[in-house]
Protein backbone atom coordinates (compact mmCIF):
# COMPACT_ATOMS: atom_id res chain seq x y z
CA MET A 1 -26.09 -33.89 30.46
CA ARG A 2 -28.16 -31.06 28.98
CA ILE A 3 -27.95 -29.14 32.28
CA LYS A 4 -24.15 -29.53 32.33
CA GLY A 5 -23.97 -28.32 28.75
CA LEU A 6 -26.12 -25.33 29.57
CA LEU A 7 -23.97 -24.48 32.59
CA PHE A 8 -20.83 -24.71 30.43
CA THR A 9 -22.41 -22.38 27.87
CA LEU A 10 -23.48 -19.87 30.50
CA PHE A 11 -20.28 -19.75 32.53
CA PHE A 12 -17.31 -20.92 30.50
CA VAL A 13 -18.04 -19.82 26.93
CA PRO A 14 -18.26 -16.10 27.92
CA LEU A 15 -14.91 -16.45 29.70
CA ILE A 16 -13.33 -18.04 26.63
CA THR A 17 -14.78 -15.34 24.37
CA LYS A 18 -13.52 -12.64 26.70
CA ALA A 19 -10.05 -14.17 26.74
CA GLN A 20 -10.00 -14.29 22.96
CA ASN A 21 -10.97 -10.61 22.73
CA THR A 22 -8.32 -9.40 25.19
CA TYR A 23 -5.16 -8.10 23.56
CA THR A 24 -1.68 -7.07 24.55
CA LEU A 25 0.21 -4.54 22.45
CA ASP A 26 2.15 -7.31 20.70
CA GLU A 27 -1.08 -9.14 19.93
CA CYS A 28 -2.65 -5.97 18.53
CA VAL A 29 0.38 -5.47 16.31
CA ALA A 30 0.35 -9.11 15.18
CA TYR A 31 -3.36 -8.87 14.36
CA ALA A 32 -2.78 -5.65 12.42
CA LEU A 33 0.05 -7.17 10.39
CA GLU A 34 -2.38 -9.86 9.27
CA ASN A 35 -5.51 -7.77 8.75
CA ASN A 36 -4.64 -4.10 8.17
CA VAL A 37 -6.30 -2.98 4.93
CA GLN A 38 -3.40 -0.79 3.80
CA LEU A 39 -1.02 -3.73 4.22
CA LYS A 40 -3.30 -5.91 2.12
CA ILE A 41 -3.30 -3.24 -0.58
CA GLN A 42 0.50 -3.01 -0.42
CA ALA A 43 0.78 -6.81 -0.58
CA LEU A 44 -1.02 -6.70 -3.93
CA GLU A 45 1.88 -4.59 -5.24
CA GLY A 46 4.02 -7.68 -4.70
CA ASP A 47 1.61 -9.74 -6.79
CA ILE A 48 1.73 -7.05 -9.48
CA ALA A 49 5.55 -7.23 -9.44
CA LYS A 50 5.43 -11.02 -9.82
CA GLY A 51 3.09 -10.56 -12.77
CA THR A 52 5.53 -8.07 -14.30
CA ILE A 53 8.35 -10.60 -14.02
CA GLY A 54 6.22 -13.30 -15.66
CA GLU A 55 5.15 -10.90 -18.38
CA THR A 56 8.76 -9.98 -19.11
CA LYS A 57 9.88 -13.63 -19.20
CA ALA A 58 7.03 -14.47 -21.57
CA GLN A 59 8.49 -12.14 -24.20
CA GLY A 60 11.51 -14.46 -24.54
CA LEU A 61 9.47 -17.63 -24.94
CA PRO A 62 8.16 -18.94 -28.30
CA GLN A 63 5.04 -17.15 -29.46
CA LEU A 64 2.62 -19.60 -31.11
CA ASN A 65 -0.50 -18.39 -32.89
CA ALA A 66 -3.20 -20.11 -34.91
CA ASN A 67 -5.38 -18.41 -37.49
CA ALA A 68 -8.29 -19.40 -39.67
CA GLY A 69 -10.78 -17.57 -41.84
CA PHE A 70 -12.87 -17.59 -44.93
CA GLN A 71 -14.12 -15.00 -47.40
CA ASP A 72 -17.26 -15.13 -49.49
CA ASN A 73 -16.68 -13.00 -52.58
CA ILE A 74 -20.29 -12.03 -53.36
CA THR A 75 -19.07 -10.01 -56.35
CA ILE A 76 -15.53 -10.68 -57.44
CA GLN A 77 -13.61 -7.51 -58.03
CA THR A 78 -13.01 -6.64 -61.71
CA SER A 79 -9.52 -5.82 -62.92
CA PHE A 80 -8.56 -4.22 -66.25
CA ILE A 81 -5.88 -5.99 -68.28
CA GLN A 82 -4.09 -4.46 -71.23
CA ASP A 83 -4.52 -6.34 -74.54
CA PHE A 84 -1.03 -7.73 -75.12
CA VAL A 85 -2.16 -10.62 -77.37
CA SER A 86 -3.41 -8.67 -80.38
CA PRO A 87 -0.26 -6.52 -80.88
CA ALA A 88 1.91 -9.66 -80.74
CA ALA A 89 -0.28 -11.50 -83.28
CA PHE A 90 -0.30 -8.54 -85.70
CA GLU A 91 3.50 -8.23 -85.34
CA ILE A 92 3.87 -11.84 -86.55
CA LEU A 93 1.56 -11.15 -89.49
CA PHE A 94 3.48 -7.98 -90.36
CA ARG A 95 6.81 -9.75 -90.13
CA GLU A 96 5.69 -12.66 -92.34
CA GLY A 97 4.32 -10.21 -94.93
CA LEU A 98 0.87 -11.62 -94.72
CA ILE A 99 -0.64 -8.20 -94.26
CA PRO A 100 0.75 -4.72 -94.80
CA ARG A 101 2.23 -3.05 -91.74
CA ARG A 102 0.13 -0.32 -90.25
CA ASP A 103 -0.18 1.64 -87.01
CA LEU A 104 -2.26 -0.32 -84.51
CA GLY A 105 -2.73 2.65 -82.15
CA ALA A 106 -2.74 2.45 -78.36
CA PRO A 107 -3.22 -1.02 -76.89
CA ALA A 108 -6.77 -1.74 -75.80
CA SER A 109 -7.73 -3.17 -72.38
CA PHE A 110 -10.46 -5.54 -71.31
CA PRO A 111 -12.08 -6.31 -67.95
CA ALA A 112 -11.38 -9.56 -66.14
CA GLN A 113 -12.29 -11.16 -62.78
CA PHE A 114 -9.71 -13.23 -60.95
CA GLY A 115 -10.32 -15.50 -57.98
CA THR A 116 -12.97 -17.86 -56.74
CA PRO A 117 -16.29 -17.14 -55.02
CA VAL A 118 -15.12 -18.62 -51.70
CA ASN A 119 -11.62 -18.43 -50.22
CA GLY A 120 -10.34 -20.06 -47.05
CA ASN A 121 -7.15 -20.06 -45.03
CA ALA A 122 -5.82 -21.72 -41.88
CA GLY A 123 -2.39 -21.91 -40.36
CA PHE A 124 0.07 -21.67 -37.50
CA SER A 125 2.86 -19.20 -36.92
CA VAL A 126 5.75 -19.44 -34.46
CA SER A 127 8.13 -16.63 -33.60
CA GLN A 128 11.10 -16.76 -31.27
CA LEU A 129 13.19 -13.95 -29.87
CA ILE A 130 16.85 -14.78 -30.38
CA PHE A 131 18.53 -11.60 -29.21
CA ASN A 132 17.19 -8.37 -27.76
CA GLY A 133 19.31 -6.45 -25.26
CA SER A 134 16.31 -4.73 -23.69
CA TYR A 135 14.77 -8.11 -22.90
CA PHE A 136 17.64 -9.25 -20.69
CA VAL A 137 17.89 -5.88 -18.95
CA GLY A 138 14.13 -5.95 -18.47
CA LEU A 139 14.38 -9.29 -16.67
CA ARG A 140 16.84 -7.82 -14.18
CA ALA A 141 14.74 -4.70 -13.76
CA ALA A 142 11.62 -6.78 -13.08
CA LYS A 143 13.43 -8.72 -10.35
CA SER A 144 14.72 -5.48 -8.84
CA LEU A 145 11.17 -4.11 -8.91
CA LYS A 146 9.97 -7.16 -6.99
CA GLU A 147 12.66 -6.59 -4.35
CA LEU A 148 11.63 -2.94 -4.13
CA THR A 149 7.97 -3.83 -3.54
CA GLU A 150 9.04 -6.26 -0.80
CA LYS A 151 10.90 -3.48 0.99
CA GLN A 152 7.99 -1.10 0.51
CA TYR A 153 5.79 -3.71 2.17
CA ILE A 154 8.18 -3.80 5.13
CA GLN A 155 7.98 -0.01 5.31
CA SER A 156 4.19 -0.26 5.39
CA GLU A 157 4.49 -2.82 8.20
CA ILE A 158 6.63 -0.40 10.20
CA ASP A 159 4.05 2.34 9.66
CA VAL A 160 1.33 -0.01 10.89
CA VAL A 161 3.35 -0.90 14.00
CA GLU A 162 3.77 2.82 14.67
CA VAL A 163 0.11 3.79 14.35
CA VAL A 164 -1.15 0.73 16.21
CA SER A 165 1.30 1.33 19.08
CA LYS A 166 0.27 4.97 19.41
CA ALA A 167 -3.43 4.07 19.19
CA TYR A 168 -2.92 1.35 21.83
CA TYR A 169 -1.20 3.78 24.20
CA LEU A 170 -3.97 6.34 23.69
CA VAL A 171 -6.55 3.74 24.75
CA LEU A 172 -4.51 2.88 27.85
CA VAL A 173 -4.20 6.55 28.80
CA SER A 174 -7.91 7.10 28.14
CA GLN A 175 -8.82 4.11 30.30
CA ASP A 176 -6.71 5.21 33.24
CA ASN A 177 -7.87 8.79 32.87
CA LEU A 178 -11.50 7.65 32.90
CA GLU A 179 -10.86 5.49 35.95
CA LEU A 180 -9.26 8.39 37.79
CA LEU A 181 -12.05 10.77 36.79
CA THR A 182 -14.55 8.27 38.17
CA LYS A 183 -12.69 8.24 41.48
CA ASN A 184 -12.59 12.05 41.46
CA TYR A 185 -16.32 12.17 40.84
CA ASP A 186 -17.00 9.71 43.67
CA ARG A 187 -14.73 11.72 45.98
CA ILE A 188 -16.40 15.06 45.22
CA ASN A 189 -19.84 13.46 45.31
CA SER A 190 -19.07 12.08 48.78
CA LEU A 191 -17.82 15.50 49.88
CA PHE A 192 -20.92 17.12 48.38
CA LYS A 193 -23.21 14.84 50.37
CA GLU A 194 -21.26 15.53 53.57
CA THR A 195 -21.42 19.28 52.99
CA GLU A 196 -25.13 19.07 52.18
CA ALA A 197 -25.69 17.26 55.48
CA LEU A 198 -23.65 19.90 57.32
CA TYR A 199 -25.70 22.63 55.65
CA LYS A 200 -28.94 21.04 56.79
CA SER A 201 -27.48 20.92 60.31
CA GLY A 202 -26.56 24.58 60.08
CA PHE A 203 -22.79 24.15 60.22
CA VAL A 204 -21.97 25.48 56.72
CA GLU A 205 -23.48 27.99 54.37
CA ASN A 206 -25.46 27.22 51.23
CA ILE A 207 -22.69 28.75 49.14
CA ASP A 208 -20.44 25.84 50.13
CA VAL A 209 -23.02 23.39 48.83
CA LEU A 210 -23.44 25.32 45.59
CA ARG A 211 -19.69 25.45 44.92
CA LEU A 212 -19.41 21.71 45.27
CA LYS A 213 -22.49 21.21 43.10
CA VAL A 214 -20.85 23.23 40.32
CA GLN A 215 -17.67 21.20 40.73
CA LEU A 216 -19.69 17.98 40.63
CA ASN A 217 -21.54 19.03 37.46
CA ASN A 218 -18.27 19.93 35.75
CA LEU A 219 -16.86 16.53 36.67
CA LYS A 220 -19.98 14.83 35.35
CA THR A 221 -19.55 16.58 31.99
CA THR A 222 -15.84 15.75 31.89
CA LEU A 223 -16.57 12.14 32.81
CA LYS A 224 -19.09 11.82 29.99
CA GLY A 225 -16.68 13.34 27.49
CA SER A 226 -13.88 11.01 28.61
CA THR A 227 -16.19 8.01 28.28
CA GLU A 228 -16.94 8.95 24.68
CA MET A 229 -13.27 9.68 24.04
CA LEU A 230 -12.39 6.18 25.20
CA LYS A 231 -14.91 4.70 22.75
CA VAL A 232 -13.43 6.74 19.91
CA SER A 233 -9.87 5.78 20.86
CA LEU A 234 -10.79 2.11 21.00
CA ALA A 235 -12.55 2.35 17.63
CA ALA A 236 -9.47 4.02 16.13
CA LEU A 237 -7.28 1.20 17.45
CA LYS A 238 -9.55 -1.45 15.92
CA LEU A 239 -9.59 0.43 12.63
CA GLN A 240 -5.78 0.47 12.50
CA MET A 241 -5.75 -3.24 13.38
CA GLY A 242 -8.06 -4.02 10.48
CA MET A 243 -10.79 -5.16 12.86
CA ALA A 244 -14.48 -4.32 12.60
CA VAL A 245 -15.13 -1.21 14.70
CA ASP A 246 -18.11 -2.80 16.44
CA THR A 247 -16.09 -5.83 17.61
CA PRO A 248 -15.87 -5.84 21.44
CA ILE A 249 -12.27 -6.02 22.67
CA SER A 250 -10.33 -5.09 25.78
CA LEU A 251 -6.65 -4.48 26.53
CA SER A 252 -4.90 -6.84 28.92
CA GLU A 253 -2.07 -4.45 29.80
CA SER A 254 -2.22 -1.49 32.16
CA LEU A 255 -0.62 1.90 31.86
CA LYS A 256 1.47 1.19 34.94
CA ASN A 257 3.12 -1.84 33.32
CA VAL A 258 3.78 0.08 30.11
CA THR A 259 5.36 3.10 31.79
CA LEU A 260 7.81 0.84 33.62
CA ASP A 261 9.31 0.04 30.22
CA LEU A 262 9.65 3.67 29.13
CA THR A 263 13.40 3.98 29.61
CA SER A 264 14.31 0.72 27.82
CA VAL A 265 15.67 2.44 24.73
CA PRO A 266 19.05 1.55 23.14
CA LEU A 267 21.75 4.19 23.43
CA THR A 268 23.38 3.19 20.13
CA SER A 269 23.23 5.58 17.18
CA VAL A 270 21.23 4.95 14.04
CA ASN A 271 22.72 2.80 11.31
CA ALA A 272 21.53 3.79 7.84
CA ASN A 273 21.34 0.13 6.83
CA ASP A 274 18.76 -0.43 9.59
CA ARG A 275 16.40 2.08 8.00
CA ILE A 276 14.12 0.62 5.36
CA GLU A 277 13.90 4.01 3.62
CA PHE A 278 17.63 3.77 2.90
CA LYS A 279 17.25 0.29 1.38
CA ILE A 280 14.35 1.46 -0.76
CA LEU A 281 16.39 4.35 -2.12
CA GLN A 282 19.25 1.96 -2.93
CA ASP A 283 16.84 -0.20 -4.91
CA ASN A 284 15.69 2.91 -6.76
CA ARG A 285 19.34 3.60 -7.57
CA ASN A 286 19.74 0.07 -9.01
CA LEU A 287 16.63 0.59 -11.14
CA ALA A 288 18.05 3.89 -12.41
CA LEU A 289 21.28 2.12 -13.41
CA LEU A 290 19.31 -0.56 -15.25
CA ASP A 291 17.32 2.17 -16.97
CA ILE A 292 20.55 3.62 -18.38
CA LYS A 293 21.75 0.18 -19.44
CA ASN A 294 18.45 -0.51 -21.18
CA PHE A 295 18.77 2.58 -23.36
CA LYS A 296 22.38 1.67 -24.21
CA VAL A 297 21.59 -1.88 -25.37
CA GLN A 298 18.94 -0.47 -27.69
CA TYR A 299 21.84 0.47 -29.99
CA LEU A 300 22.39 -3.28 -30.57
CA PRO A 301 20.60 -5.23 -33.35
CA ASN A 302 17.52 -7.34 -32.61
CA LEU A 303 17.25 -10.84 -34.08
CA ASN A 304 14.05 -12.88 -34.36
CA ALA A 305 13.16 -16.18 -36.01
CA ASN A 306 9.79 -17.15 -37.43
CA PHE A 307 8.11 -20.19 -38.95
CA ASN A 308 4.75 -20.41 -40.71
CA LEU A 309 2.65 -23.43 -41.69
CA GLY A 310 -0.73 -23.03 -43.36
CA TRP A 311 -3.28 -24.03 -45.94
CA THR A 312 -5.24 -22.00 -48.50
CA SER A 313 -8.28 -22.85 -50.53
CA GLY A 314 -10.33 -21.29 -53.32
CA VAL A 315 -13.62 -22.94 -54.26
CA ASN A 316 -17.00 -22.10 -55.75
CA SER A 317 -19.16 -22.68 -52.66
CA PHE A 318 -18.92 -22.85 -48.88
CA GLY A 319 -19.80 -26.56 -49.00
CA ASP A 320 -16.72 -27.24 -51.12
CA LEU A 321 -14.64 -25.34 -48.55
CA THR A 322 -15.47 -27.93 -45.90
CA ASN A 323 -14.01 -30.75 -47.96
CA PHE A 324 -10.63 -30.95 -46.31
CA ASN A 325 -8.47 -32.73 -48.86
CA SER A 326 -5.44 -32.06 -51.00
CA ASP A 327 -7.58 -31.18 -54.01
CA THR A 328 -9.19 -28.16 -52.33
CA TRP A 329 -6.68 -27.18 -49.64
CA PHE A 330 -3.03 -26.49 -50.49
CA ARG A 331 -0.29 -26.36 -47.88
CA PHE A 332 2.46 -23.80 -47.63
CA THR A 333 5.41 -23.51 -45.22
CA ASN A 334 8.11 -20.92 -44.74
CA TRP A 335 10.62 -19.82 -42.16
CA GLY A 336 12.98 -16.92 -41.82
CA LEU A 337 15.06 -14.60 -39.73
CA SER A 338 14.50 -10.92 -39.22
CA LEU A 339 17.35 -8.65 -38.17
CA ASN A 340 16.66 -5.09 -37.12
CA ILE A 341 19.73 -2.86 -37.00
CA PRO A 342 19.18 0.61 -35.53
CA ILE A 343 21.13 3.19 -37.50
CA PHE A 344 19.84 6.65 -36.63
CA ASP A 345 16.92 7.67 -34.42
CA GLY A 346 17.38 11.42 -34.32
CA PHE A 347 19.47 11.12 -31.10
CA SER A 348 16.39 9.89 -29.22
CA LYS A 349 18.28 7.26 -27.20
CA LYS A 350 21.06 9.73 -26.48
CA TYR A 351 18.66 12.11 -24.77
CA LYS A 352 16.93 9.25 -22.97
CA ILE A 353 20.28 8.21 -21.51
CA GLN A 354 20.95 11.82 -20.55
CA LYS A 355 17.65 12.00 -18.65
CA ALA A 356 18.24 8.63 -16.99
CA ARG A 357 21.69 9.72 -15.79
CA ALA A 358 20.19 12.89 -14.34
CA ARG A 359 17.60 10.79 -12.45
CA LEU A 360 20.41 8.56 -11.19
CA SER A 361 22.28 11.60 -9.88
CA GLN A 362 19.14 12.78 -8.13
CA THR A 363 18.80 9.41 -6.43
CA GLU A 364 22.44 9.39 -5.35
CA PHE A 365 22.11 12.88 -3.88
CA GLY A 366 18.98 11.65 -2.11
CA ILE A 367 20.90 8.72 -0.60
CA SER A 368 23.59 11.06 0.73
CA GLN A 369 21.00 13.48 2.08
CA LEU A 370 19.01 10.65 3.65
CA GLU A 371 21.99 9.46 5.70
CA ASN A 372 22.36 12.95 7.18
CA SER A 373 18.63 13.27 7.79
CA PHE A 374 18.67 9.99 9.75
CA LYS A 375 21.17 11.51 12.18
CA LEU A 376 19.09 14.64 12.57
CA GLU A 377 15.91 12.59 13.02
CA GLU A 378 17.58 10.51 15.73
CA LEU A 379 18.87 13.62 17.50
CA SER A 380 15.44 15.23 17.38
CA ALA A 381 13.64 12.05 18.49
CA ARG A 382 16.07 11.37 21.33
CA THR A 383 15.82 14.98 22.53
CA SER A 384 12.02 14.83 22.42
CA PHE A 385 12.09 11.52 24.28
CA ASN A 386 14.41 12.81 27.02
CA ASN A 387 12.29 15.93 27.43
CA ALA A 388 9.13 13.82 27.55
CA ILE A 389 10.62 11.56 30.23
CA ALA A 390 11.69 14.59 32.28
CA ASP A 391 8.20 16.10 31.97
CA TYR A 392 6.60 12.76 32.87
CA THR A 393 8.74 12.53 36.03
CA ILE A 394 7.79 16.06 37.07
CA GLN A 395 4.09 15.59 36.36
CA LYS A 396 4.06 12.32 38.27
CA GLU A 397 5.50 14.11 41.29
CA ASN A 398 3.01 16.96 40.83
CA VAL A 399 0.11 14.51 41.01
CA GLU A 400 1.43 13.04 44.24
CA LEU A 401 1.83 16.53 45.71
CA ALA A 402 -1.62 17.64 44.51
CA GLU A 403 -3.19 14.52 46.03
CA GLU A 404 -1.49 15.25 49.35
CA VAL A 405 -2.63 18.90 49.25
CA PHE A 406 -6.21 17.85 48.56
CA LYS A 407 -6.11 15.25 51.32
CA VAL A 408 -4.84 17.76 53.90
CA THR A 409 -7.25 20.47 52.70
CA ARG A 410 -10.21 18.13 52.98
CA ILE A 411 -9.22 17.02 56.48
CA LYS A 412 -8.89 20.64 57.54
CA TYR A 413 -12.32 21.39 56.07
CA GLN A 414 -13.91 18.41 57.80
CA GLU A 415 -12.36 19.49 61.09
CA GLY A 416 -13.67 23.02 60.64
CA VAL A 417 -10.30 24.77 60.30
CA GLY A 418 -10.41 25.10 56.51
CA SER A 419 -12.74 26.58 53.95
CA ASN A 420 -14.83 24.95 51.30
CA LEU A 421 -13.19 27.18 48.70
CA GLU A 422 -9.76 25.77 49.56
CA VAL A 423 -11.06 22.26 48.97
CA ILE A 424 -12.44 23.20 45.53
CA GLU A 425 -9.19 24.93 44.58
CA ALA A 426 -7.20 21.91 45.72
CA ASP A 427 -9.49 19.63 43.69
CA THR A 428 -9.07 21.84 40.61
CA ASP A 429 -5.29 21.77 41.03
CA LEU A 430 -5.42 18.00 41.41
CA LYS A 431 -7.41 17.55 38.20
CA THR A 432 -5.03 19.86 36.35
CA ALA A 433 -2.07 17.86 37.64
CA GLN A 434 -3.73 14.60 36.63
CA THR A 435 -4.49 15.90 33.14
CA ASN A 436 -0.90 17.06 32.72
CA TYR A 437 0.29 13.70 34.02
CA PHE A 438 -1.69 11.69 31.48
CA ASN A 439 -0.61 14.01 28.68
CA ALA A 440 3.00 13.55 29.78
CA ILE A 441 2.63 9.76 29.82
CA TYR A 442 1.17 9.67 26.32
CA ASN A 443 3.79 12.09 24.98
CA ALA A 444 6.55 9.96 26.48
CA LEU A 445 5.15 6.76 24.98
CA VAL A 446 4.74 8.39 21.57
CA ALA A 447 8.27 9.83 21.81
CA LYS A 448 9.60 6.34 22.51
CA VAL A 449 7.85 4.96 19.43
CA ASP A 450 9.28 7.81 17.33
CA LEU A 451 12.77 7.18 18.70
CA LEU A 452 12.62 3.43 17.99
CA LYS A 453 11.48 4.22 14.45
CA ALA A 454 14.28 6.77 14.02
CA LEU A 455 16.78 4.08 15.11
CA GLY A 456 15.29 1.63 12.62
CA ILE A 457 14.34 -0.91 15.31
CA LEU A 458 10.62 -0.30 15.77
CA LYS A 459 9.78 -3.63 14.08
């Protein structure tokens, strides 16, 4: 049983791991939509919006507070009280004729201390918003803000689909380019060995060997650079996916399969309602309208209710303060309404409304301009796509022609009716054609992504 388990570990587990780390474009996009860091950051904006809604709702709920405290009056403050007793007593004596009337002068004053050494208080207070126009407008604005953040998240998703798709295509192009460069290197290396053998047999000159050696060295350098470029492209793809850069993955699709789908682009024109940017701007317009309404309702009165229940105590020591009874603690209760009527604020709200209306107009102009820009963006993207497809078709044909030229040139050289220089020139032309071909493929794939985004159907 242990041997069978070991065999399973050695042969089947690597295959399962490999399968799990092999991705199609759709799988890369799906992974990115779950793990992309920027999307996670944007998702937190939704949580912030939910918190804003809860915070706004809380303002309309009863506000209950409890309070308690004590004060130790180490030295009770002295107050000065005017002597009002003596003048009154003398006035009675004067009036009854008991003593002759005389001028008493200015009333005297004497110091006095009021209060107890230790004071305590405890109580509850409840306040309830009854009417505030800004509160109800704020509730609507908070909900609109939540809807806006949801659309902004969708926009971020579209951006992620775009960058992941382009990064995926770059890896495919880099892989095929590296594979073709490897074949080119093997082909020139084989030709180099043949020419070297012919030189040793005296059939060709040393210059022929040296030319091919230079060509071979150049290919070796290019091959090394392309290998590193593939690593960088793959790392960039994993970064956009939200995957650790050192995670080993491979792509299950080939460039051939992808290019077959190049022309599958809808011919319909863009609909502004399909573009998330348009929806976001409409939400901004709704928020601007609510902003104006909020300033208008601030002209209305605000009404609040409140209720207070508490106890106070004044005793000679802290120990007496802890005797909770009706002889040391005395209850009080009160309730009331408070009405705030705005009368004049120096035209502050007037100018706020003026600014809000100007921002609304800016947003409406932006909506109108955005609809026109969508048409221009589609026209530009479709033109770029058509040009890229035309260039791709030409470059594909050029590669086939360059391959045929190299094949014929090499045969002529091997049969002794062609020169070594012609073979090198044909190989250089072939590599140029291949480079142009891969550039054309990538440009066409990128142009397709841009066109789908311009049509609002990328995701």
